[in-house]
N, C-alpha and C. Protein backbone atom coordinates (compact mmCIF):
# COMPACT_ATOMS: atom_id res chain seq x y z
N MET A 1 266.92 -53.14 109.12
CA MET A 1 267.22 -53.67 110.43
C MET A 1 266.80 -55.12 110.47
N THR A 2 267.76 -56.00 110.40
CA THR A 2 267.44 -57.42 110.40
C THR A 2 267.91 -58.13 111.66
N GLY A 3 268.67 -57.43 112.49
CA GLY A 3 269.18 -58.06 113.69
C GLY A 3 268.13 -58.18 114.78
N SER A 4 268.49 -58.85 115.85
CA SER A 4 267.56 -59.03 116.97
C SER A 4 267.61 -57.82 117.87
N SER A 5 266.50 -57.50 118.46
CA SER A 5 266.45 -56.45 119.47
C SER A 5 266.83 -57.05 120.81
N SER A 6 266.82 -56.23 121.84
CA SER A 6 267.19 -56.73 123.16
C SER A 6 266.22 -57.78 123.69
N THR A 7 265.01 -57.84 123.11
CA THR A 7 264.04 -58.84 123.55
C THR A 7 264.12 -60.12 122.72
N GLY A 8 265.02 -60.14 121.73
CA GLY A 8 265.16 -61.33 120.91
C GLY A 8 264.22 -61.38 119.72
N MET A 9 263.43 -60.33 119.52
CA MET A 9 262.47 -60.30 118.40
C MET A 9 263.13 -59.64 117.20
N THR A 10 263.02 -60.26 116.04
CA THR A 10 263.51 -59.63 114.82
C THR A 10 262.45 -58.71 114.26
N ARG A 11 262.86 -57.82 113.38
CA ARG A 11 261.91 -56.92 112.73
C ARG A 11 260.86 -57.74 112.00
N ARG A 12 261.29 -58.81 111.36
CA ARG A 12 260.38 -59.68 110.61
C ARG A 12 259.34 -60.31 111.54
N ALA A 13 259.77 -60.73 112.73
CA ALA A 13 258.83 -61.34 113.68
C ALA A 13 257.81 -60.32 114.15
N VAL A 14 258.26 -59.09 114.38
CA VAL A 14 257.34 -58.03 114.81
C VAL A 14 256.34 -57.75 113.69
N LEU A 15 256.84 -57.62 112.44
CA LEU A 15 255.94 -57.40 111.31
C LEU A 15 254.96 -58.56 111.16
N GLY A 16 255.46 -59.77 111.33
CA GLY A 16 254.59 -60.94 111.22
C GLY A 16 253.50 -60.94 112.28
N ALA A 17 253.87 -60.60 113.51
CA ALA A 17 252.89 -60.55 114.59
C ALA A 17 251.86 -59.46 114.31
N PHE A 18 252.34 -58.30 113.85
CA PHE A 18 251.41 -57.22 113.52
C PHE A 18 250.48 -57.65 112.39
N ALA A 19 251.05 -58.25 111.36
CA ALA A 19 250.24 -58.66 110.21
C ALA A 19 249.20 -59.70 110.61
N ALA A 20 249.59 -60.65 111.46
CA ALA A 20 248.64 -61.68 111.89
C ALA A 20 247.50 -61.05 112.68
N THR A 21 247.83 -60.10 113.54
CA THR A 21 246.80 -59.41 114.31
C THR A 21 245.91 -58.59 113.40
N ALA A 22 246.53 -57.87 112.48
CA ALA A 22 245.77 -57.01 111.57
C ALA A 22 244.89 -57.84 110.64
N LEU A 23 245.38 -59.02 110.25
CA LEU A 23 244.63 -59.87 109.34
C LEU A 23 243.31 -60.31 109.96
N THR A 24 243.33 -60.64 111.22
CA THR A 24 242.09 -61.08 111.86
C THR A 24 241.10 -59.93 111.99
N ALA A 25 241.60 -58.71 112.03
CA ALA A 25 240.73 -57.55 112.14
C ALA A 25 240.41 -56.93 110.79
N ALA A 26 240.99 -57.46 109.71
CA ALA A 26 240.83 -56.87 108.38
C ALA A 26 239.39 -57.02 107.90
N PRO A 27 238.92 -56.01 107.18
CA PRO A 27 237.57 -56.09 106.63
C PRO A 27 237.53 -57.09 105.47
N THR A 28 236.37 -57.62 105.20
CA THR A 28 236.22 -58.44 104.00
C THR A 28 235.92 -57.49 102.86
N TYR A 29 236.32 -57.85 101.67
CA TYR A 29 236.17 -56.96 100.53
C TYR A 29 235.01 -57.43 99.68
N SER A 30 234.10 -56.51 99.41
CA SER A 30 232.91 -56.87 98.65
C SER A 30 233.19 -56.96 97.16
N ASN A 31 234.25 -56.30 96.68
CA ASN A 31 234.59 -56.43 95.27
C ASN A 31 236.07 -56.16 95.08
N ALA A 32 236.61 -56.74 94.04
CA ALA A 32 238.05 -56.63 93.81
C ALA A 32 238.44 -55.24 93.38
N ALA A 33 237.59 -54.54 92.64
CA ALA A 33 237.96 -53.21 92.15
C ALA A 33 238.28 -52.30 93.31
N GLY A 34 237.46 -52.31 94.37
CA GLY A 34 237.74 -51.51 95.55
C GLY A 34 239.03 -51.94 96.21
N PHE A 35 239.26 -53.22 96.23
CA PHE A 35 240.48 -53.76 96.81
C PHE A 35 241.71 -53.23 96.07
N LEU A 36 241.65 -53.24 94.73
CA LEU A 36 242.78 -52.78 93.95
C LEU A 36 242.98 -51.28 94.05
N ARG A 37 241.94 -50.53 94.35
CA ARG A 37 242.07 -49.09 94.53
C ARG A 37 242.56 -48.75 95.93
N GLY A 38 242.88 -49.75 96.73
CA GLY A 38 243.38 -49.48 98.07
C GLY A 38 242.29 -49.56 99.12
N GLY A 39 241.18 -50.23 98.81
CA GLY A 39 240.08 -50.34 99.74
C GLY A 39 240.40 -51.21 100.93
N GLY A 40 241.49 -51.95 100.89
CA GLY A 40 241.84 -52.82 102.00
C GLY A 40 243.11 -52.36 102.67
N ASP A 41 243.30 -52.79 103.89
CA ASP A 41 244.48 -52.42 104.65
C ASP A 41 245.60 -53.44 104.54
N ILE A 42 245.26 -54.64 104.05
CA ILE A 42 246.22 -55.74 104.03
C ILE A 42 246.11 -56.49 102.72
N ARG A 43 247.23 -56.89 102.16
CA ARG A 43 247.23 -57.76 100.99
C ARG A 43 248.13 -58.95 101.31
N ARG A 44 247.63 -60.12 100.99
CA ARG A 44 248.31 -61.37 101.32
C ARG A 44 248.38 -62.24 100.07
N ILE A 45 249.47 -62.97 99.92
CA ILE A 45 249.60 -63.90 98.80
C ILE A 45 250.01 -65.27 99.34
N LYS A 46 249.32 -66.31 98.84
CA LYS A 46 249.60 -67.68 99.26
C LYS A 46 249.81 -68.51 98.00
N MET A 47 251.00 -69.13 97.88
CA MET A 47 251.31 -69.95 96.71
C MET A 47 252.24 -71.09 97.11
N TYR A 48 252.25 -72.09 96.25
CA TYR A 48 253.27 -73.12 96.36
C TYR A 48 253.72 -73.48 94.95
N SER A 49 254.90 -74.06 94.86
CA SER A 49 255.45 -74.46 93.58
C SER A 49 255.64 -75.97 93.57
N GLY A 50 254.98 -76.62 92.65
CA GLY A 50 255.16 -78.06 92.49
C GLY A 50 256.54 -78.40 91.94
N ARG A 51 257.17 -77.44 91.28
CA ARG A 51 258.50 -77.65 90.67
C ARG A 51 259.61 -77.60 91.72
N THR A 52 259.53 -76.64 92.64
CA THR A 52 260.61 -76.47 93.61
C THR A 52 260.25 -76.99 95.00
N GLY A 53 258.95 -77.22 95.25
CA GLY A 53 258.50 -77.64 96.57
C GLY A 53 258.39 -76.48 97.55
N GLU A 54 258.65 -75.26 97.10
CA GLU A 54 258.60 -74.10 97.99
C GLU A 54 257.17 -73.63 98.20
N ARG A 55 256.96 -72.99 99.33
CA ARG A 55 255.66 -72.39 99.68
C ARG A 55 255.89 -70.97 100.16
N ILE A 56 254.88 -70.15 99.93
CA ILE A 56 254.92 -68.78 100.42
C ILE A 56 253.52 -68.42 100.89
N ASP A 57 253.43 -67.80 102.04
CA ASP A 57 252.17 -67.34 102.60
C ASP A 57 252.51 -66.10 103.40
N MET A 58 252.29 -64.93 102.79
CA MET A 58 252.74 -63.74 103.47
C MET A 58 251.92 -62.51 103.16
N ILE A 59 251.92 -61.64 104.13
CA ILE A 59 251.39 -60.29 103.97
C ILE A 59 252.50 -59.52 103.26
N TYR A 60 252.17 -58.90 102.12
CA TYR A 60 253.20 -58.15 101.39
C TYR A 60 252.87 -56.66 101.30
N TRP A 61 251.72 -56.28 101.81
CA TRP A 61 251.27 -54.88 101.74
C TRP A 61 250.41 -54.59 102.96
N ILE A 62 250.73 -53.52 103.68
CA ILE A 62 249.95 -53.12 104.84
C ILE A 62 249.71 -51.61 104.77
N GLU A 63 248.44 -51.23 104.88
CA GLU A 63 248.04 -49.84 104.95
C GLU A 63 248.76 -48.94 103.95
N GLY A 64 248.69 -49.33 102.69
CA GLY A 64 249.21 -48.49 101.61
C GLY A 64 250.68 -48.63 101.33
N GLN A 65 251.36 -49.54 101.99
CA GLN A 65 252.80 -49.70 101.80
C GLN A 65 253.17 -51.15 101.51
N TYR A 66 253.96 -51.34 100.46
CA TYR A 66 254.52 -52.67 100.21
C TYR A 66 255.63 -52.91 101.21
N ILE A 67 255.72 -54.13 101.69
CA ILE A 67 256.76 -54.52 102.65
C ILE A 67 257.95 -55.02 101.84
N LYS A 68 259.04 -54.26 101.88
CA LYS A 68 260.21 -54.50 101.03
C LYS A 68 260.72 -55.95 101.11
N ASP A 69 260.90 -56.47 102.31
CA ASP A 69 261.41 -57.83 102.47
C ASP A 69 260.44 -58.88 101.92
N ALA A 70 259.15 -58.64 102.11
CA ALA A 70 258.14 -59.55 101.59
C ALA A 70 258.14 -59.55 100.06
N VAL A 71 258.26 -58.36 99.48
CA VAL A 71 258.30 -58.26 98.01
C VAL A 71 259.52 -58.99 97.46
N LYS A 72 260.65 -58.88 98.13
CA LYS A 72 261.86 -59.61 97.70
C LYS A 72 261.59 -61.12 97.69
N GLU A 73 260.91 -61.60 98.72
CA GLU A 73 260.60 -63.03 98.80
C GLU A 73 259.63 -63.46 97.70
N VAL A 74 258.65 -62.61 97.40
CA VAL A 74 257.72 -62.90 96.31
C VAL A 74 258.48 -62.97 94.99
N ASN A 75 259.38 -62.01 94.75
CA ASN A 75 260.17 -62.01 93.52
C ASN A 75 260.99 -63.29 93.39
N TYR A 76 261.62 -63.69 94.47
CA TYR A 76 262.43 -64.91 94.44
C TYR A 76 261.55 -66.14 94.21
N PHE A 77 260.43 -66.19 94.89
CA PHE A 77 259.51 -67.33 94.74
C PHE A 77 259.03 -67.46 93.30
N MET A 78 258.75 -66.32 92.65
CA MET A 78 258.19 -66.33 91.31
C MET A 78 259.26 -66.36 90.22
N ARG A 79 260.49 -66.68 90.60
CA ARG A 79 261.61 -66.72 89.66
C ARG A 79 261.41 -67.78 88.58
N ASP A 80 262.23 -67.72 87.54
CA ASP A 80 262.28 -68.75 86.51
C ASP A 80 263.04 -69.93 87.12
N TRP A 81 262.32 -70.97 87.49
CA TRP A 81 262.95 -72.10 88.18
C TRP A 81 263.90 -72.87 87.27
N ARG A 82 263.74 -72.72 85.97
CA ARG A 82 264.63 -73.43 85.05
C ARG A 82 266.03 -72.83 85.02
N THR A 83 266.11 -71.49 85.11
CA THR A 83 267.40 -70.80 85.04
C THR A 83 267.80 -70.19 86.38
N ASP A 84 266.89 -70.19 87.33
CA ASP A 84 267.05 -69.55 88.64
C ASP A 84 267.13 -68.03 88.51
N GLY A 85 266.70 -67.49 87.37
CA GLY A 85 266.69 -66.05 87.15
C GLY A 85 265.56 -65.39 87.94
N VAL A 86 265.90 -64.30 88.61
CA VAL A 86 264.94 -63.54 89.41
C VAL A 86 264.73 -62.19 88.76
N LYS A 87 263.49 -61.75 88.72
CA LYS A 87 263.15 -60.42 88.20
C LYS A 87 262.16 -59.80 89.17
N SER A 88 262.21 -58.50 89.30
CA SER A 88 261.21 -57.81 90.12
C SER A 88 259.86 -57.96 89.44
N MET A 89 258.95 -58.62 90.12
CA MET A 89 257.61 -58.79 89.57
C MET A 89 256.87 -57.47 89.64
N ASP A 90 256.05 -57.22 88.63
CA ASP A 90 255.20 -56.04 88.65
C ASP A 90 254.14 -56.30 89.72
N LEU A 91 254.12 -55.49 90.74
CA LEU A 91 253.24 -55.73 91.87
C LEU A 91 251.77 -55.58 91.53
N ARG A 92 251.47 -54.96 90.41
CA ARG A 92 250.07 -54.92 89.96
C ARG A 92 249.58 -56.34 89.69
N THR A 93 250.43 -57.19 89.14
CA THR A 93 250.04 -58.58 88.90
C THR A 93 249.81 -59.31 90.22
N VAL A 94 250.69 -59.12 91.17
CA VAL A 94 250.55 -59.76 92.48
C VAL A 94 249.26 -59.27 93.14
N ASP A 95 248.95 -57.98 92.99
CA ASP A 95 247.71 -57.44 93.55
C ASP A 95 246.48 -58.09 92.92
N ILE A 96 246.51 -58.28 91.62
CA ILE A 96 245.39 -58.94 90.91
C ILE A 96 245.24 -60.37 91.43
N MET A 97 246.36 -61.07 91.55
CA MET A 97 246.33 -62.45 92.05
C MET A 97 245.72 -62.50 93.45
N ALA A 98 246.16 -61.59 94.32
CA ALA A 98 245.67 -61.57 95.70
C ALA A 98 244.18 -61.22 95.74
N ALA A 99 243.77 -60.25 94.93
CA ALA A 99 242.36 -59.86 94.92
C ALA A 99 241.48 -60.98 94.39
N ALA A 100 241.91 -61.65 93.32
CA ALA A 100 241.13 -62.77 92.77
C ALA A 100 241.04 -63.90 93.79
N HIS A 101 242.13 -64.18 94.48
CA HIS A 101 242.14 -65.23 95.50
C HIS A 101 241.15 -64.89 96.60
N ASN A 102 241.12 -63.63 97.00
CA ASN A 102 240.18 -63.18 98.03
C ASN A 102 238.74 -63.34 97.56
N LEU A 103 238.46 -62.99 96.30
CA LEU A 103 237.11 -63.14 95.76
C LEU A 103 236.67 -64.60 95.73
N LEU A 104 237.61 -65.50 95.53
CA LEU A 104 237.30 -66.93 95.46
C LEU A 104 237.02 -67.52 96.84
N ASP A 105 237.37 -66.80 97.89
CA ASP A 105 237.09 -67.21 99.27
C ASP A 105 237.62 -68.62 99.55
N VAL A 106 238.90 -68.82 99.27
CA VAL A 106 239.54 -70.11 99.52
C VAL A 106 240.72 -69.92 100.47
N SER A 107 241.03 -70.97 101.19
CA SER A 107 242.24 -70.93 102.02
C SER A 107 243.40 -71.63 101.32
N GLU A 108 243.08 -72.41 100.32
CA GLU A 108 244.10 -73.13 99.54
C GLU A 108 245.02 -72.15 98.82
N PRO A 109 246.33 -72.39 98.86
CA PRO A 109 247.24 -71.51 98.12
C PRO A 109 247.17 -71.79 96.61
N TYR A 110 247.50 -70.78 95.82
CA TYR A 110 247.66 -71.00 94.39
C TYR A 110 248.81 -71.96 94.15
N MET A 111 248.71 -72.77 93.12
CA MET A 111 249.88 -73.47 92.62
C MET A 111 250.43 -72.58 91.50
N LEU A 112 251.65 -72.11 91.67
CA LEU A 112 252.30 -71.28 90.66
C LEU A 112 252.93 -72.18 89.61
N LEU A 113 252.45 -72.08 88.39
CA LEU A 113 253.03 -72.84 87.29
C LEU A 113 254.13 -72.06 86.60
N SER A 114 253.92 -70.75 86.48
CA SER A 114 254.91 -69.90 85.81
C SER A 114 254.73 -68.47 86.27
N GLY A 115 255.81 -67.85 86.68
CA GLY A 115 255.84 -66.43 87.01
C GLY A 115 256.76 -65.77 86.00
N TYR A 116 257.91 -65.29 86.49
CA TYR A 116 258.91 -64.73 85.58
C TYR A 116 259.47 -65.85 84.70
N ARG A 117 259.67 -65.53 83.42
CA ARG A 117 260.35 -66.44 82.49
C ARG A 117 261.48 -65.68 81.82
N SER A 118 262.66 -66.27 81.82
CA SER A 118 263.77 -65.67 81.08
C SER A 118 263.47 -65.78 79.58
N PRO A 119 264.08 -64.94 78.76
CA PRO A 119 263.89 -65.08 77.31
C PRO A 119 264.25 -66.48 76.82
N LYS A 120 265.28 -67.09 77.41
CA LYS A 120 265.69 -68.44 77.01
C LYS A 120 264.59 -69.45 77.30
N THR A 121 264.01 -69.38 78.49
CA THR A 121 262.92 -70.29 78.86
C THR A 121 261.71 -70.05 77.97
N ASN A 122 261.38 -68.77 77.73
CA ASN A 122 260.22 -68.47 76.90
C ASN A 122 260.40 -69.02 75.49
N ALA A 123 261.60 -68.87 74.94
CA ALA A 123 261.87 -69.38 73.59
C ALA A 123 261.74 -70.91 73.56
N MET A 124 262.23 -71.59 74.58
CA MET A 124 262.13 -73.05 74.65
C MET A 124 260.66 -73.46 74.71
N LEU A 125 259.87 -72.81 75.58
CA LEU A 125 258.45 -73.14 75.70
C LEU A 125 257.70 -72.82 74.41
N ARG A 126 258.07 -71.73 73.77
CA ARG A 126 257.44 -71.34 72.50
C ARG A 126 257.70 -72.36 71.40
N SER A 127 258.88 -72.97 71.43
CA SER A 127 259.21 -73.98 70.42
C SER A 127 258.38 -75.26 70.61
N LYS A 128 257.80 -75.43 71.79
CA LYS A 128 257.02 -76.63 72.10
C LYS A 128 255.52 -76.41 72.10
N SER A 129 255.08 -75.12 72.09
CA SER A 129 253.65 -74.83 72.20
C SER A 129 253.28 -73.57 71.44
N ARG A 130 252.16 -73.65 70.73
CA ARG A 130 251.65 -72.47 70.01
C ARG A 130 251.13 -71.42 70.98
N GLY A 131 250.80 -71.80 72.20
CA GLY A 131 250.16 -70.89 73.15
C GLY A 131 251.10 -69.95 73.89
N VAL A 132 252.39 -69.97 73.57
CA VAL A 132 253.36 -69.13 74.26
C VAL A 132 253.70 -67.93 73.36
N ALA A 133 253.43 -66.74 73.85
CA ALA A 133 253.67 -65.52 73.08
C ALA A 133 255.15 -65.21 72.94
N LYS A 134 255.53 -64.72 71.78
CA LYS A 134 256.93 -64.37 71.53
C LYS A 134 257.41 -63.28 72.50
N ASN A 135 256.57 -62.30 72.74
CA ASN A 135 256.89 -61.21 73.66
C ASN A 135 256.06 -61.31 74.93
N SER A 136 256.05 -62.47 75.52
CA SER A 136 255.23 -62.78 76.69
C SER A 136 255.48 -61.79 77.84
N LEU A 137 254.40 -61.42 78.51
CA LEU A 137 254.51 -60.57 79.69
C LEU A 137 255.23 -61.28 80.84
N HIS A 138 255.34 -62.60 80.75
CA HIS A 138 256.11 -63.35 81.76
C HIS A 138 257.56 -62.87 81.75
N MET A 139 258.10 -62.52 80.58
CA MET A 139 259.50 -62.09 80.49
C MET A 139 259.72 -60.72 81.12
N ARG A 140 258.65 -59.97 81.33
CA ARG A 140 258.74 -58.65 81.97
C ARG A 140 258.39 -58.74 83.46
N GLY A 141 258.06 -59.93 83.93
CA GLY A 141 257.64 -60.08 85.32
C GLY A 141 256.24 -59.52 85.55
N GLN A 142 255.41 -59.59 84.52
CA GLN A 142 254.06 -59.01 84.60
C GLN A 142 252.96 -60.05 84.48
N ALA A 143 253.28 -61.33 84.61
CA ALA A 143 252.25 -62.36 84.42
C ALA A 143 252.53 -63.57 85.30
N ALA A 144 251.45 -64.32 85.55
CA ALA A 144 251.56 -65.57 86.31
C ALA A 144 250.52 -66.55 85.78
N ASP A 145 250.89 -67.81 85.75
CA ASP A 145 249.98 -68.90 85.42
C ASP A 145 249.73 -69.66 86.70
N LEU A 146 248.43 -69.81 87.04
CA LEU A 146 248.05 -70.31 88.36
C LEU A 146 246.98 -71.38 88.28
N ARG A 147 246.92 -72.20 89.32
CA ARG A 147 245.93 -73.27 89.42
C ARG A 147 245.47 -73.38 90.87
N LEU A 148 244.21 -73.75 91.03
CA LEU A 148 243.65 -74.11 92.34
C LEU A 148 242.92 -75.43 92.18
N SER A 149 243.16 -76.37 93.06
CA SER A 149 242.46 -77.65 92.92
C SER A 149 241.00 -77.56 93.35
N SER A 150 240.67 -76.57 94.19
CA SER A 150 239.30 -76.46 94.70
C SER A 150 238.41 -75.54 93.86
N ARG A 151 238.96 -74.93 92.82
CA ARG A 151 238.17 -74.05 91.97
C ARG A 151 238.47 -74.36 90.50
N SER A 152 237.45 -74.20 89.68
CA SER A 152 237.60 -74.47 88.25
C SER A 152 238.31 -73.31 87.56
N VAL A 153 238.77 -73.57 86.36
CA VAL A 153 239.37 -72.53 85.53
C VAL A 153 238.34 -71.41 85.31
N SER A 154 237.11 -71.79 85.09
CA SER A 154 236.05 -70.81 84.88
C SER A 154 235.86 -69.92 86.11
N GLN A 155 235.82 -70.51 87.30
CA GLN A 155 235.66 -69.73 88.53
C GLN A 155 236.85 -68.79 88.74
N MET A 156 238.05 -69.32 88.54
CA MET A 156 239.25 -68.49 88.71
C MET A 156 239.28 -67.34 87.72
N SER A 157 238.96 -67.63 86.48
CA SER A 157 239.02 -66.57 85.46
C SER A 157 237.96 -65.49 85.73
N ARG A 158 236.78 -65.89 86.16
CA ARG A 158 235.74 -64.90 86.48
C ARG A 158 236.20 -63.98 87.61
N ALA A 159 236.85 -64.53 88.61
CA ALA A 159 237.35 -63.71 89.71
C ALA A 159 238.42 -62.74 89.22
N ALA A 160 239.33 -63.22 88.40
CA ALA A 160 240.39 -62.35 87.87
C ALA A 160 239.82 -61.28 86.95
N ILE A 161 238.84 -61.64 86.12
CA ILE A 161 238.20 -60.67 85.22
C ILE A 161 237.49 -59.59 86.04
N ALA A 162 236.88 -59.96 87.16
CA ALA A 162 236.19 -58.99 88.01
C ALA A 162 237.14 -57.92 88.53
N CYS A 163 238.41 -58.23 88.61
CA CYS A 163 239.40 -57.25 89.09
C CYS A 163 239.63 -56.12 88.08
N GLN A 164 239.35 -56.38 86.81
CA GLN A 164 239.54 -55.38 85.75
C GLN A 164 240.92 -54.74 85.82
N GLY A 165 241.94 -55.59 86.06
CA GLY A 165 243.29 -55.08 86.23
C GLY A 165 244.25 -55.44 85.11
N GLY A 166 243.83 -56.36 84.22
CA GLY A 166 244.75 -56.79 83.17
C GLY A 166 244.17 -57.95 82.39
N GLY A 167 245.07 -58.73 81.80
CA GLY A 167 244.66 -59.84 80.96
C GLY A 167 244.40 -61.10 81.76
N VAL A 168 243.41 -61.86 81.28
CA VAL A 168 243.05 -63.13 81.92
C VAL A 168 242.87 -64.17 80.82
N GLY A 169 243.67 -65.22 80.88
CA GLY A 169 243.56 -66.30 79.91
C GLY A 169 243.08 -67.57 80.57
N ARG A 170 242.09 -68.21 79.96
CA ARG A 170 241.56 -69.49 80.46
C ARG A 170 242.18 -70.62 79.63
N TYR A 171 242.83 -71.54 80.30
CA TYR A 171 243.43 -72.70 79.65
C TYR A 171 242.83 -73.95 80.28
N SER A 172 241.59 -74.22 79.92
CA SER A 172 240.85 -75.33 80.53
C SER A 172 241.51 -76.67 80.27
N GLY A 173 242.04 -76.86 79.07
CA GLY A 173 242.68 -78.13 78.73
C GLY A 173 243.90 -78.42 79.59
N SER A 174 244.59 -77.39 80.02
CA SER A 174 245.77 -77.54 80.88
C SER A 174 245.48 -77.18 82.33
N ASN A 175 244.23 -76.82 82.63
CA ASN A 175 243.77 -76.54 83.98
C ASN A 175 244.55 -75.43 84.67
N PHE A 176 244.67 -74.26 84.00
CA PHE A 176 245.27 -73.12 84.68
C PHE A 176 244.70 -71.82 84.11
N VAL A 177 244.94 -70.74 84.87
CA VAL A 177 244.52 -69.40 84.47
C VAL A 177 245.75 -68.51 84.44
N HIS A 178 245.86 -67.74 83.38
CA HIS A 178 246.92 -66.74 83.22
C HIS A 178 246.37 -65.41 83.72
N MET A 179 247.12 -64.72 84.57
CA MET A 179 246.75 -63.37 85.04
C MET A 179 247.93 -62.45 84.78
N ASP A 180 247.63 -61.28 84.20
CA ASP A 180 248.70 -60.30 83.98
C ASP A 180 248.17 -58.89 84.21
N CYS A 181 249.09 -57.93 84.27
CA CYS A 181 248.72 -56.53 84.51
C CYS A 181 248.79 -55.71 83.22
N GLY A 182 248.71 -56.39 82.08
CA GLY A 182 248.71 -55.70 80.81
C GLY A 182 247.34 -55.13 80.50
N VAL A 183 247.06 -54.98 79.22
CA VAL A 183 245.78 -54.46 78.76
C VAL A 183 244.65 -55.36 79.27
N VAL A 184 243.54 -54.74 79.71
CA VAL A 184 242.39 -55.51 80.19
C VAL A 184 241.78 -56.23 79.01
N ARG A 185 241.79 -57.57 79.07
CA ARG A 185 241.26 -58.42 78.00
C ARG A 185 241.13 -59.82 78.56
N SER A 186 240.42 -60.68 77.83
CA SER A 186 240.34 -62.10 78.25
C SER A 186 240.29 -62.95 77.00
N TRP A 187 240.71 -64.20 77.15
CA TRP A 187 240.74 -65.14 76.04
C TRP A 187 240.70 -66.56 76.56
N GLY A 188 240.53 -67.48 75.64
CA GLY A 188 240.59 -68.90 75.98
C GLY A 188 239.27 -69.51 76.30
N GLY A 189 239.34 -70.79 76.59
CA GLY A 189 238.11 -71.52 76.86
C GLY A 189 238.29 -72.61 77.86
């Protein structure tokens, strides 16, 4: 239902109003593991892209349910900007990102450097850098490379590692952290 009701409110506006109200009443989370097990009622993701100029700040999960329209927007936002290819992101990765962001206690959005990568983009990046995996989880929509100007790579990686939800790579030289929902592991410096 995307049309307007008799009061002029769209379903999205109603959801947004509910989410904003619920967000102010939401509990703070003492640890990410509880958050990932469903300890929270709301999950929010805030990002911007320096490549496209786009921004996203949305509640994508409320009381145990992913919001379909919000997830579609997250998938589009995290697309391969080089090819405009969109893939359904593995929401476990988005959950890890949101939980780590919450642990960092920042209002600043993540800068998304890379979300989904098409095989063509991954091959091009691999030809230019030793640090790009041949079978990268980015190609499956299971990884993101992120930066925060107000937090160090070390702080970001510690928060992501605390989630115990997947892989965390520290790329201090390039000032970003890789987060994925694959095997729990960490690397880099």
